[in-house]
Amino acid sequence: MSAQDSPKISFAQPAWTPVSVLTLALLTAAATVLRFLFLARKPFWFDEAFSVEIARLSWHDFARLLWWREANMSLYYVLLRGWLHLEINPFFIRSFSVLASLATLPAIFWLSRKLFDRRVGLIAVALLSCNAYSIRYAQEARSYSLFMLLATLSSGFFIACVREPSSPERDRRGYVLTSVLAVYAHFYALLLIAAQWLSVRGLKRSQGSGADVVAAISPALRRAWIWIAFAILPLLAFVGKTGAGQIRWIQRPGFHDLLDYWEHLAGNAGLPLLLLYAAACLAAILPLRGLIFRLGANWDVWRLQFLLIWLFFPVALTLLLSLARPVFLARYLFFCLPALIILAAAGLASLRQAWMVGICLAATLLLSLQGTLSYYDHDFDLERDGSLAAANYIYDHAQPGDAVLFHIAQGRIPYEFFGSLRGTSRPRSSATTGPAIIFPRHGDQLDYRDVTGKPSSEFVRAVPGQYARLWLVLMSNGTPGHPDATTLMLTQALGESFRRTERMQFPQVEVRLYSKP
């Protein structure tokens, strides 16, 4: 192997100049505006209400529920508990995700500079600042923005350990800490750690002048991975206990799902923006195309290999596993976005002429802004359900003595959340208090047992004698025209005792009012 092929470590220019500080500040300001703009326009939906209601449980119920069925995203739920002590309204609740998303901007600059230089870092920040996928999940009360921040930090500390074998102990500790936190923010962070491990396996086989460097790297990373494995044992035990039951609703992916994922990752502007990103990534790869698939390549090649593994390995593995059990879901792979951003930024920065960089970057940013404006108008990646409209309809039309029954226990959660918002805005009345909840119900307050199960036939048939009016909320009850067994049972049992039925349809939610003459 020639000296050109052996691992070598180079050091980038100083990070900060007045121009780079000003540029980073302006980009952060623009990103802040784009993420806070219309933050409360989109209605809260089931998953967001679920986050808030879990975080507001008593510590006893909170701990039991995490261990019992909701250990994924546990870090986010813990942090959200503290955040909710300050204020409870949709804008403020979502602001936590906005702050995590904004914190990713300096993190991606730091990572880009460790891999390349200051110029690549600034281009990466520009691309991320107006990326519609980043903005979409910055405006959602879920763990995804926190997940991407921790994934970026984990990779930054990982690169520090690889690039500088004699790096301070704080880098190795930082790598362990951010990696563990990333796994507790979302279980799919294990795919990132696996990608990091794979990339080092390629570097580890180096020989020649770089062998001493690799020998110093491997033991440190091996110890770090042992610490990570030890720290995430509780989560691994939870997965072993529950299996894949929590994600059994994921559908088997097809070609269009994969294409949609890449278009969304690029920024929600369709094929033109995806092609621009693909061209930018190729511009980074093509000069070294003969070495990209070689093990033990030099630093300039390895950093591209690392980004490619980060970008493609999690997608490829989840697609492969989906042949047995579907596990591919676009938003679960959101953490791959930094790899795409940095790789594209490296390609743009590699263009020889400054005017070419300017034109290509401007075109990419303009299409990215188009994707963001499109997101402000309507959602992408998933469709929000009508939980808010359904709950408000019940509260607005309820009468004293009414009862409400939920087809699945989880349906109570958005009902409770939206009811609490109404109660904080004006004094509670019989309408804002709402009908009495008869299922699921294990006490006056929501507890960990109220998020699972379906009503039994015996229970439902005993209800009509106690109430003159009964509200029924149906969610996740089969496909159109093919209701599930519980819906059929509810329809038959309640129809036998209540002669009048009113039906109201909301996105993915049906509300029925059963009443006697």
Protein backbone atom coordinates (compact mmCIF):
# COMPACT_ATOMS: atom_id res chain seq x y z
CA MET A 1 0.00 0.00 0.00
CA SER A 2 1.37 3.40 -0.94
CA ALA A 3 1.71 6.33 1.39
CA GLN A 4 -1.20 7.94 -0.40
CA ASP A 5 -3.48 5.08 0.66
CA SER A 6 -2.47 4.93 4.30
CA PRO A 7 -4.42 6.74 6.99
CA LYS A 8 -3.32 10.28 7.64
CA ILE A 9 -4.72 12.97 9.85
CA SER A 10 -4.92 16.60 8.76
CA PHE A 11 -6.05 19.60 10.75
CA ALA A 12 -8.51 22.21 9.62
CA GLN A 13 -8.17 25.97 9.74
CA PRO A 14 -9.23 27.95 12.81
CA ALA A 15 -12.97 27.79 13.35
CA TRP A 16 -13.78 31.41 13.99
CA THR A 17 -13.22 34.58 12.02
CA PRO A 18 -15.36 37.73 12.20
CA VAL A 19 -16.96 36.80 8.88
CA SER A 20 -17.75 33.23 9.93
CA VAL A 21 -19.20 34.39 13.27
CA LEU A 22 -21.41 36.94 11.50
CA THR A 23 -22.49 34.40 8.89
CA LEU A 24 -23.34 31.81 11.51
CA ALA A 25 -25.29 34.39 13.51
CA LEU A 26 -27.32 35.47 10.45
CA LEU A 27 -28.07 31.87 9.49
CA THR A 28 -29.13 31.05 13.04
CA ALA A 29 -31.42 34.09 13.07
CA ALA A 30 -33.01 32.98 9.78
CA ALA A 31 -33.40 29.43 11.09
CA THR A 32 -35.02 30.77 14.26
CA VAL A 33 -37.59 32.72 12.27
CA LEU A 34 -38.39 29.74 10.03
CA ARG A 35 -38.87 27.42 13.01
CA PHE A 36 -40.95 29.73 15.18
CA LEU A 37 -43.04 30.97 12.26
CA PHE A 38 -46.56 29.49 12.37
CA LEU A 39 -45.47 27.27 15.26
CA ALA A 40 -48.99 26.91 16.63
CA ARG A 41 -50.81 26.95 13.29
CA LYS A 42 -50.98 23.18 12.91
CA PRO A 43 -53.29 21.46 15.41
CA PHE A 44 -51.88 19.16 18.05
CA TRP A 45 -52.44 15.54 17.08
CA PHE A 46 -52.48 12.25 18.93
CA ASP A 47 -48.71 11.70 19.27
CA GLU A 48 -48.09 15.20 20.59
CA ALA A 49 -50.94 14.97 23.10
CA PHE A 50 -49.55 11.57 24.11
CA SER A 51 -46.14 13.16 24.84
CA VAL A 52 -47.67 15.81 27.08
CA GLU A 53 -50.01 13.52 28.99
CA ILE A 54 -47.23 11.00 29.67
CA ALA A 55 -45.01 13.80 30.96
CA ARG A 56 -47.79 15.03 33.27
CA LEU A 57 -48.39 11.68 34.96
CA SER A 58 -47.40 11.25 38.59
CA TRP A 59 -43.84 9.96 39.01
CA HIS A 60 -45.19 6.55 40.03
CA ASP A 61 -47.39 6.22 36.95
CA PHE A 62 -44.71 7.80 34.75
CA ALA A 63 -42.06 5.28 35.77
CA ARG A 64 -44.45 2.34 35.48
CA LEU A 65 -45.58 3.39 32.00
CA LEU A 66 -42.03 3.88 30.73
CA TRP A 67 -41.00 0.41 31.86
CA TRP A 68 -44.25 -1.19 30.84
CA ARG A 69 -44.58 0.12 27.27
CA GLU A 70 -43.07 3.56 26.52
CA ALA A 71 -39.32 3.36 27.21
CA ASN A 72 -38.55 4.65 23.71
CA MET A 73 -38.17 8.45 23.77
CA SER A 74 -37.90 8.27 27.58
CA LEU A 75 -35.25 11.02 27.66
CA TYR A 76 -37.61 13.39 25.86
CA TYR A 77 -40.46 12.61 28.23
CA VAL A 78 -38.25 13.31 31.25
CA LEU A 79 -37.05 16.64 29.85
CA LEU A 80 -40.59 17.57 28.83
CA ARG A 81 -41.76 17.06 32.42
CA GLY A 82 -39.49 19.89 33.50
CA TRP A 83 -40.40 22.06 30.52
CA LEU A 84 -44.13 21.79 31.28
CA HIS A 85 -43.61 23.28 34.73
CA LEU A 86 -43.02 26.64 33.03
CA GLU A 87 -46.09 26.82 30.78
CA ILE A 88 -48.67 24.62 29.05
CA ASN A 89 -49.85 25.78 25.66
CA PRO A 90 -49.14 24.39 22.19
CA PHE A 91 -46.68 27.15 21.21
CA PHE A 92 -44.59 26.78 24.35
CA ILE A 93 -44.69 22.98 24.36
CA ARG A 94 -43.40 22.83 20.79
CA SER A 95 -40.74 25.45 21.56
CA PHE A 96 -38.67 22.78 23.29
CA SER A 97 -38.26 20.97 19.96
CA VAL A 98 -37.45 24.28 18.26
CA LEU A 99 -34.61 24.92 20.70
CA ALA A 100 -33.21 21.43 20.14
CA SER A 101 -33.36 22.01 16.39
CA LEU A 102 -31.59 25.37 16.68
CA ALA A 103 -28.90 23.80 18.87
CA THR A 104 -28.20 21.39 15.99
CA LEU A 105 -26.91 24.29 13.84
CA PRO A 106 -23.70 24.93 15.83
CA ALA A 107 -23.42 21.18 16.36
CA ILE A 108 -23.43 20.47 12.62
CA PHE A 109 -20.95 23.32 12.06
CA TRP A 110 -18.66 21.73 14.65
CA LEU A 111 -18.98 18.27 13.10
CA SER A 112 -18.51 19.59 9.55
CA ARG A 113 -15.39 21.45 10.56
CA LYS A 114 -13.93 18.35 12.20
CA LEU A 115 -14.57 16.39 9.02
CA PHE A 116 -13.68 19.11 6.51
CA ASP A 117 -13.26 22.83 7.22
CA ARG A 118 -14.99 26.06 8.16
CA ARG A 119 -16.36 26.64 4.65
CA VAL A 120 -18.12 23.27 4.57
CA GLY A 121 -19.46 23.97 8.06
CA LEU A 122 -21.07 27.25 7.04
CA ILE A 123 -22.63 25.73 3.91
CA ALA A 124 -23.98 22.85 6.04
CA VAL A 125 -25.55 25.32 8.48
CA ALA A 126 -27.12 27.21 5.56
CA LEU A 127 -28.62 24.01 4.13
CA LEU A 128 -29.93 22.84 7.50
CA SER A 129 -31.34 26.23 8.46
CA CYS A 130 -34.05 26.10 5.78
CA ASN A 131 -34.44 22.33 5.38
CA ALA A 132 -38.18 21.60 5.54
CA TYR A 133 -37.70 18.19 7.17
CA SER A 134 -35.73 19.76 10.01
CA ILE A 135 -38.34 22.52 10.38
CA ARG A 136 -41.24 20.07 10.23
CA TYR A 137 -39.97 18.13 13.27
CA ALA A 138 -38.74 21.26 15.02
CA GLN A 139 -42.44 22.16 15.18
CA GLU A 140 -43.58 18.90 16.73
CA ALA A 141 -43.79 17.96 20.40
CA ARG A 142 -41.92 14.72 19.90
CA SER A 143 -38.35 13.54 20.37
CA TYR A 144 -37.08 13.79 16.79
CA SER A 145 -35.29 17.16 16.98
CA LEU A 146 -33.60 16.16 20.24
CA PHE A 147 -32.69 12.84 18.63
CA MET A 148 -30.98 14.54 15.67
CA LEU A 149 -29.10 16.95 17.95
CA LEU A 150 -27.70 14.10 20.03
CA ALA A 151 -26.87 12.06 16.90
CA THR A 152 -24.89 15.02 15.55
CA LEU A 153 -23.05 15.52 18.83
CA SER A 154 -22.33 11.80 19.11
CA SER A 155 -20.77 11.78 15.66
CA GLY A 156 -18.76 14.91 16.47
CA PHE A 157 -17.19 13.30 19.53
CA PHE A 158 -16.74 10.08 17.57
CA ILE A 159 -14.77 11.95 14.88
CA ALA A 160 -12.70 13.63 17.57
CA CYS A 161 -11.74 10.21 18.92
CA VAL A 162 -10.89 8.89 15.43
CA ARG A 163 -9.07 11.97 14.21
CA GLU A 164 -6.99 12.59 17.30
CA PRO A 165 -6.06 9.28 18.98
CA SER A 166 -4.54 11.22 21.87
CA SER A 167 -7.66 13.38 22.25
CA PRO A 168 -8.58 14.41 25.79
CA GLU A 169 -10.58 12.02 27.92
CA ARG A 170 -13.48 14.50 27.72
CA ASP A 171 -13.96 13.60 24.02
CA ARG A 172 -14.36 9.92 24.83
CA ARG A 173 -16.67 10.72 27.72
CA GLY A 174 -18.60 13.08 25.46
CA TYR A 175 -18.98 10.33 22.89
CA VAL A 176 -20.29 7.86 25.48
CA LEU A 177 -22.67 10.38 27.05
CA THR A 178 -24.19 11.74 23.83
CA SER A 179 -24.51 8.26 22.32
CA VAL A 180 -26.29 6.90 25.39
CA LEU A 181 -28.60 9.92 25.52
CA ALA A 182 -29.33 9.51 21.80
CA VAL A 183 -30.44 5.91 22.37
CA TYR A 184 -32.72 7.02 25.21
CA ALA A 185 -34.08 9.77 22.95
CA HIS A 186 -34.90 7.16 20.30
CA PHE A 187 -34.03 3.50 20.11
CA TYR A 188 -33.04 3.80 16.42
CA ALA A 189 -29.90 5.63 17.56
CA LEU A 190 -28.42 2.14 17.85
CA LEU A 191 -28.27 2.21 14.06
CA LEU A 192 -26.03 5.27 14.23
CA ILE A 193 -23.67 3.56 16.67
CA ALA A 194 -23.61 0.52 14.39
CA ALA A 195 -22.76 2.79 11.44
CA GLN A 196 -19.91 4.35 13.43
CA TRP A 197 -18.62 0.89 14.31
CA LEU A 198 -18.76 -0.20 10.67
CA SER A 199 -16.83 2.83 9.51
CA VAL A 200 -14.05 2.16 12.00
CA ARG A 201 -13.87 -1.46 10.89
CA GLY A 202 -12.79 -0.15 7.51
CA LEU A 203 -10.21 2.15 9.06
CA LYS A 204 -8.97 -0.57 11.39
CA ARG A 205 -7.62 -2.69 8.55
CA SER A 206 -5.15 0.01 7.56
CA GLN A 207 -1.51 -0.89 7.30
CA GLY A 208 1.71 0.95 6.66
CA SER A 209 2.48 4.36 8.12
CA GLY A 210 -0.96 4.69 9.72
CA ALA A 211 -0.87 1.47 11.74
CA ASP A 212 0.33 3.15 14.93
CA VAL A 213 -2.52 5.67 14.74
CA VAL A 214 -5.12 2.94 14.34
CA ALA A 215 -3.70 0.93 17.23
CA ALA A 216 -4.22 3.98 19.46
CA ILE A 217 -7.77 4.53 18.25
CA SER A 218 -9.24 1.06 18.60
CA PRO A 219 -8.85 0.40 22.36
CA ALA A 220 -10.34 3.80 23.25
CA LEU A 221 -13.38 3.27 21.06
CA ARG A 222 -13.73 -0.31 22.21
CA ARG A 223 -13.92 0.87 25.81
CA ALA A 224 -16.42 3.56 24.80
CA TRP A 225 -18.69 1.00 23.14
CA ILE A 226 -18.54 -1.23 26.22
CA TRP A 227 -19.65 1.69 28.38
CA ILE A 228 -22.43 2.52 25.93
CA ALA A 229 -23.66 -1.08 25.92
CA PHE A 230 -23.63 -1.18 29.71
CA ALA A 231 -25.54 2.13 29.99
CA ILE A 232 -28.32 1.11 27.62
CA LEU A 233 -28.92 -2.32 29.18
CA PRO A 234 -32.26 -1.21 30.71
CA LEU A 235 -33.53 -0.18 27.29
CA LEU A 236 -32.28 -3.42 25.73
CA ALA A 237 -34.09 -5.33 28.49
CA PHE A 238 -37.25 -3.39 27.68
CA VAL A 239 -36.97 -4.31 23.99
CA GLY A 240 -36.39 -7.93 24.91
CA LYS A 241 -39.48 -7.85 27.12
CA THR A 242 -41.85 -6.11 24.69
CA GLY A 243 -40.41 -7.22 21.34
CA ALA A 244 -41.59 -5.36 18.25
CA GLY A 245 -45.15 -5.04 19.50
CA GLN A 246 -44.91 -1.28 19.89
CA ILE A 247 -44.19 -0.81 16.17
CA ARG A 248 -46.42 -3.53 14.75
CA TRP A 249 -48.56 -0.82 13.11
CA ILE A 250 -45.74 0.07 10.67
CA GLN A 251 -46.63 -0.94 7.12
CA ARG A 252 -44.31 -2.82 4.81
CA PRO A 253 -42.42 -0.21 2.74
CA GLY A 254 -42.57 0.00 -1.04
CA PHE A 255 -40.58 1.88 -3.66
CA HIS A 256 -42.69 5.03 -3.29
CA ASP A 257 -42.11 5.03 0.48
CA LEU A 258 -38.38 4.98 -0.11
CA LEU A 259 -38.55 7.72 -2.75
CA ASP A 260 -40.73 9.85 -0.47
CA TYR A 261 -38.20 9.41 2.32
CA TRP A 262 -35.33 10.75 0.22
CA GLU A 263 -37.43 13.62 -1.14
CA HIS A 264 -38.50 14.58 2.37
CA LEU A 265 -34.95 14.28 3.70
CA ALA A 266 -33.73 16.62 0.96
CA GLY A 267 -36.32 19.22 1.89
CA ASN A 268 -39.84 18.50 0.62
CA ALA A 269 -39.44 20.14 -2.78
CA GLY A 270 -39.82 17.00 -4.84
CA LEU A 271 -37.45 15.47 -7.37
CA PRO A 272 -35.66 18.71 -8.43
CA LEU A 273 -34.27 19.36 -4.95
CA LEU A 274 -33.41 15.69 -4.45
CA LEU A 275 -31.46 15.71 -7.71
CA LEU A 276 -29.60 18.85 -6.63
CA TYR A 277 -28.59 17.12 -3.40
CA ALA A 278 -27.58 13.99 -5.32
CA ALA A 279 -25.42 16.09 -7.67
CA ALA A 280 -23.77 17.87 -4.73
CA CYS A 281 -23.03 14.54 -3.02
CA LEU A 282 -21.55 13.16 -6.24
CA ALA A 283 -19.34 16.24 -6.52
CA ALA A 284 -17.85 15.31 -3.16
CA ILE A 285 -17.42 11.63 -4.03
CA LEU A 286 -16.34 11.54 -7.68
CA PRO A 287 -12.79 12.93 -7.22
CA LEU A 288 -12.08 9.94 -4.96
CA ARG A 289 -14.37 7.44 -6.64
CA GLY A 290 -11.62 4.86 -7.13
CA LEU A 291 -10.96 4.69 -3.39
CA ILE A 292 -14.44 4.99 -1.87
CA PHE A 293 -14.95 1.24 -1.53
CA ARG A 294 -11.42 0.46 -0.35
CA LEU A 295 -10.73 -0.48 3.25
CA GLY A 296 -7.93 1.32 5.02
CA ALA A 297 -8.07 4.41 2.82
CA ASN A 298 -6.63 7.75 3.91
CA TRP A 299 -8.45 10.39 5.94
CA ASP A 300 -9.81 12.23 2.90
CA VAL A 301 -11.52 9.05 1.72
CA TRP A 302 -12.52 7.68 5.11
CA ARG A 303 -14.53 10.75 6.11
CA LEU A 304 -16.64 10.31 2.97
CA GLN A 305 -17.02 6.61 3.72
CA PHE A 306 -18.24 7.50 7.21
CA LEU A 307 -20.88 9.90 5.89
CA LEU A 308 -22.06 7.40 3.28
CA ILE A 309 -22.37 4.63 5.86
CA TRP A 310 -24.27 6.98 8.19
CA LEU A 311 -26.57 8.00 5.35
CA PHE A 312 -27.30 4.61 3.77
CA PHE A 313 -26.65 1.83 6.30
CA PRO A 314 -29.63 2.54 8.62
CA VAL A 315 -31.98 2.76 5.62
CA ALA A 316 -30.63 -0.41 4.03
CA LEU A 317 -30.77 -2.40 7.26
CA THR A 318 -34.34 -1.36 8.12
CA LEU A 319 -35.45 -2.19 4.59
CA LEU A 320 -33.83 -5.61 4.87
CA LEU A 321 -35.42 -6.30 8.24
CA SER A 322 -38.77 -5.17 6.85
CA LEU A 323 -38.81 -8.26 4.66
CA ALA A 324 -39.52 -10.19 7.89
CA ARG A 325 -41.24 -7.52 10.00
CA PRO A 326 -41.79 -3.92 8.85
CA VAL A 327 -39.50 -1.53 10.77
CA PHE A 328 -38.80 1.12 8.12
CA LEU A 329 -40.41 4.45 9.01
CA ALA A 330 -39.17 7.70 7.54
CA ARG A 331 -39.28 9.83 10.69
CA TYR A 332 -37.44 7.16 12.68
CA LEU A 333 -34.53 7.64 10.24
CA PHE A 334 -34.58 11.41 10.63
CA PHE A 335 -31.13 11.23 12.27
CA CYS A 336 -29.56 10.52 8.84
CA LEU A 337 -30.21 14.12 7.76
CA PRO A 338 -26.90 15.55 9.07
CA ALA A 339 -24.97 13.06 6.93
CA LEU A 340 -26.82 14.18 3.79
CA ILE A 341 -26.38 17.86 4.66
CA ILE A 342 -22.64 17.59 5.33
CA LEU A 343 -21.96 15.43 2.28
CA ALA A 344 -23.83 17.88 0.04
CA ALA A 345 -22.04 20.82 1.66
CA ALA A 346 -18.68 19.17 0.98
CA GLY A 347 -19.66 18.71 -2.65
CA LEU A 348 -20.71 22.33 -3.05
CA ALA A 349 -17.54 23.55 -1.35
CA SER A 350 -15.44 21.44 -3.74
CA LEU A 351 -16.60 23.37 -6.81
CA ARG A 352 -13.66 25.24 -8.30
CA GLN A 353 -15.27 28.58 -9.05
CA ALA A 354 -16.87 30.75 -6.38
CA TRP A 355 -19.67 31.74 -8.76
CA MET A 356 -20.53 28.09 -9.29
CA VAL A 357 -20.75 27.57 -5.53
CA GLY A 358 -22.96 30.63 -5.22
CA ILE A 359 -25.36 29.60 -7.98
CA CYS A 360 -25.70 25.99 -6.83
CA LEU A 361 -26.11 26.97 -3.18
CA ALA A 362 -28.68 29.65 -4.04
CA ALA A 363 -30.68 27.19 -6.15
CA THR A 364 -30.63 24.63 -3.34
CA LEU A 365 -31.69 27.18 -0.73
CA LEU A 366 -34.49 28.57 -2.91
CA LEU A 367 -35.93 25.10 -3.49
CA SER A 368 -35.53 24.36 0.22
CA LEU A 369 -37.51 27.48 1.08
CA GLN A 370 -40.15 26.38 -1.41
CA GLY A 371 -40.39 23.07 0.46
CA THR A 372 -40.70 24.92 3.76
CA LEU A 373 -43.47 27.19 2.45
CA SER A 374 -45.25 24.09 1.19
CA TYR A 375 -44.99 22.57 4.68
CA TYR A 376 -46.51 25.67 6.25
CA ASP A 377 -49.49 25.17 3.94
CA HIS A 378 -49.92 21.43 4.50
CA ASP A 379 -48.16 18.57 6.28
CA PHE A 380 -45.88 16.02 4.71
CA ASP A 381 -44.39 12.73 5.92
CA LEU A 382 -47.53 12.01 7.95
CA GLU A 383 -51.11 13.19 8.22
CA ARG A 384 -52.31 14.63 11.51
CA ASP A 385 -55.45 13.08 12.89
CA GLY A 386 -58.54 15.02 13.95
CA SER A 387 -58.19 14.42 17.68
CA LEU A 388 -58.47 18.11 18.50
CA ALA A 389 -61.59 18.70 16.41
CA ALA A 390 -63.22 15.51 17.74
CA ALA A 391 -62.53 16.38 21.38
CA ASN A 392 -63.77 19.95 20.94
CA TYR A 393 -66.93 18.70 19.27
CA ILE A 394 -67.71 16.48 22.25
CA TYR A 395 -66.97 19.23 24.77
CA ASP A 396 -69.10 21.74 22.84
CA HIS A 397 -72.12 19.44 22.48
CA ALA A 398 -72.04 17.51 25.76
CA GLN A 399 -74.95 17.62 28.18
CA PRO A 400 -75.01 16.95 31.93
CA GLY A 401 -75.17 13.21 32.58
CA ASP A 402 -73.42 12.21 29.32
CA ALA A 403 -70.74 9.52 29.26
CA VAL A 404 -67.91 8.86 26.83
CA LEU A 405 -66.33 5.54 25.86
CA PHE A 406 -63.17 5.12 23.82
CA HIS A 407 -62.75 2.30 21.31
CA ILE A 408 -59.10 1.99 22.32
CA ALA A 409 -57.73 3.15 25.65
CA GLN A 410 -55.20 5.52 24.07
CA GLY A 411 -58.08 7.54 22.63
CA ARG A 412 -58.60 9.05 26.07
CA ILE A 413 -55.22 10.78 25.99
CA PRO A 414 -55.91 13.56 23.43
CA TYR A 415 -59.37 14.02 24.96
CA GLU A 416 -57.75 14.68 28.35
CA PHE A 417 -55.15 17.02 26.87
CA PHE A 418 -57.54 19.17 24.89
CA GLY A 419 -59.91 19.26 27.85
CA SER A 420 -57.11 20.60 30.05
CA LEU A 421 -56.41 23.37 27.51
CA ARG A 422 -60.05 24.40 27.58
CA GLY A 423 -60.07 24.36 31.35
CA THR A 424 -57.07 26.68 31.59
CA SER A 425 -58.57 29.26 29.28
CA ARG A 426 -61.88 29.79 31.11
CA PRO A 427 -63.76 28.52 34.17
CA ARG A 428 -64.87 24.92 33.89
CA SER A 429 -68.55 24.28 33.23
CA SER A 430 -70.43 21.11 32.51
CA ALA A 431 -69.53 21.56 28.85
CA THR A 432 -65.81 22.09 29.38
CA THR A 433 -65.65 19.36 32.02
CA GLY A 434 -67.12 17.01 29.45
CA PRO A 435 -68.92 13.70 29.71
CA ALA A 436 -67.93 11.19 32.38
CA ILE A 437 -65.24 8.82 31.13
CA ILE A 438 -66.36 5.23 31.62
CA PHE A 439 -63.63 3.48 29.62
CA PRO A 440 -60.72 3.43 30.17
CA ARG A 441 -61.05 4.40 33.80
CA HIS A 442 -59.00 3.29 36.78
CA GLY A 443 -59.51 6.42 38.87
CA ASP A 444 -60.34 10.08 38.71
CA GLN A 445 -56.99 10.90 37.09
CA LEU A 446 -55.24 9.35 34.10
CA ASP A 447 -52.82 6.61 35.18
CA TYR A 448 -50.49 4.19 33.46
CA ARG A 449 -53.22 1.55 33.08
CA ASP A 450 -55.38 3.88 30.99
CA VAL A 451 -53.27 3.64 27.84
CA THR A 452 -53.93 0.08 26.79
CA GLY A 453 -56.82 -2.29 26.26
CA LYS A 454 -60.26 -2.31 24.64
CA PRO A 455 -63.72 -2.53 26.21
CA SER A 456 -65.21 -5.98 26.66
CA SER A 457 -68.62 -7.02 25.35
CA GLU A 458 -69.92 -7.59 28.88
CA PHE A 459 -68.91 -4.09 29.95
CA VAL A 460 -70.47 -2.44 26.90
CA ARG A 461 -73.79 -4.26 27.27
CA ALA A 462 -74.07 -3.05 30.88
CA VAL A 463 -73.67 0.63 29.90
CA PRO A 464 -77.08 1.52 28.33
CA GLY A 465 -79.03 1.10 31.53
CA GLN A 466 -76.96 3.81 33.24
CA TYR A 467 -76.90 6.60 30.65
CA ALA A 468 -79.37 8.24 28.30
CA ARG A 469 -76.62 9.57 26.02
CA LEU A 470 -73.29 7.93 25.27
CA TRP A 471 -70.41 9.29 23.18
CA LEU A 472 -68.21 6.75 21.39
CA VAL A 473 -64.79 7.70 19.99
CA LEU A 474 -63.31 5.41 17.33
CA MET A 475 -59.62 5.59 16.38
CA SER A 476 -57.36 3.10 14.63
CA ASN A 477 -60.31 0.80 14.13
CA GLY A 478 -59.46 -0.82 10.81
CA THR A 479 -59.55 0.34 7.22
CA PRO A 480 -62.47 2.12 5.51
CA GLY A 481 -65.22 -0.41 4.95
CA HIS A 482 -63.44 -3.02 7.06
CA PRO A 483 -63.86 -2.14 10.76
CA ASP A 484 -62.11 -4.25 13.36
CA ALA A 485 -63.83 -6.73 15.66
CA THR A 486 -64.17 -4.27 18.53
CA THR A 487 -65.93 -1.73 16.32
CA LEU A 488 -68.36 -4.39 15.11
CA MET A 489 -69.05 -5.44 18.70
CA LEU A 490 -69.62 -1.84 19.83
CA THR A 491 -71.90 -1.12 16.88
CA GLN A 492 -74.05 -4.16 17.57
CA ALA A 493 -74.19 -3.89 21.36
CA LEU A 494 -74.92 -0.16 21.52
CA GLY A 495 -77.28 -0.28 18.56
CA GLU A 496 -79.48 -2.76 20.41
CA SER A 497 -80.10 -0.36 23.33
CA PHE A 498 -79.81 3.12 21.81
CA ARG A 499 -82.28 3.81 19.03
CA ARG A 500 -80.69 7.00 17.76
CA THR A 501 -77.15 7.32 16.45
CA GLU A 502 -75.42 10.47 15.18
CA ARG A 503 -72.07 10.13 13.42
CA MET A 504 -69.40 12.81 12.99
CA GLN A 505 -66.30 12.09 10.92
CA PHE A 506 -62.94 13.77 11.49
CA PRO A 507 -59.55 12.84 9.98
CA GLN A 508 -58.83 9.31 11.24
CA VAL A 509 -61.36 9.75 14.07
CA GLU A 510 -65.08 8.98 14.17
CA VAL A 511 -67.36 10.27 16.92
CA ARG A 512 -70.77 8.73 17.52
CA LEU A 513 -73.50 9.94 19.83
CA TYR A 514 -75.86 7.19 20.96
CA SER A 515 -79.07 8.39 22.61
CA LYS A 516 -82.44 7.07 23.70
CA PRO A 517 -85.76 8.61 22.55
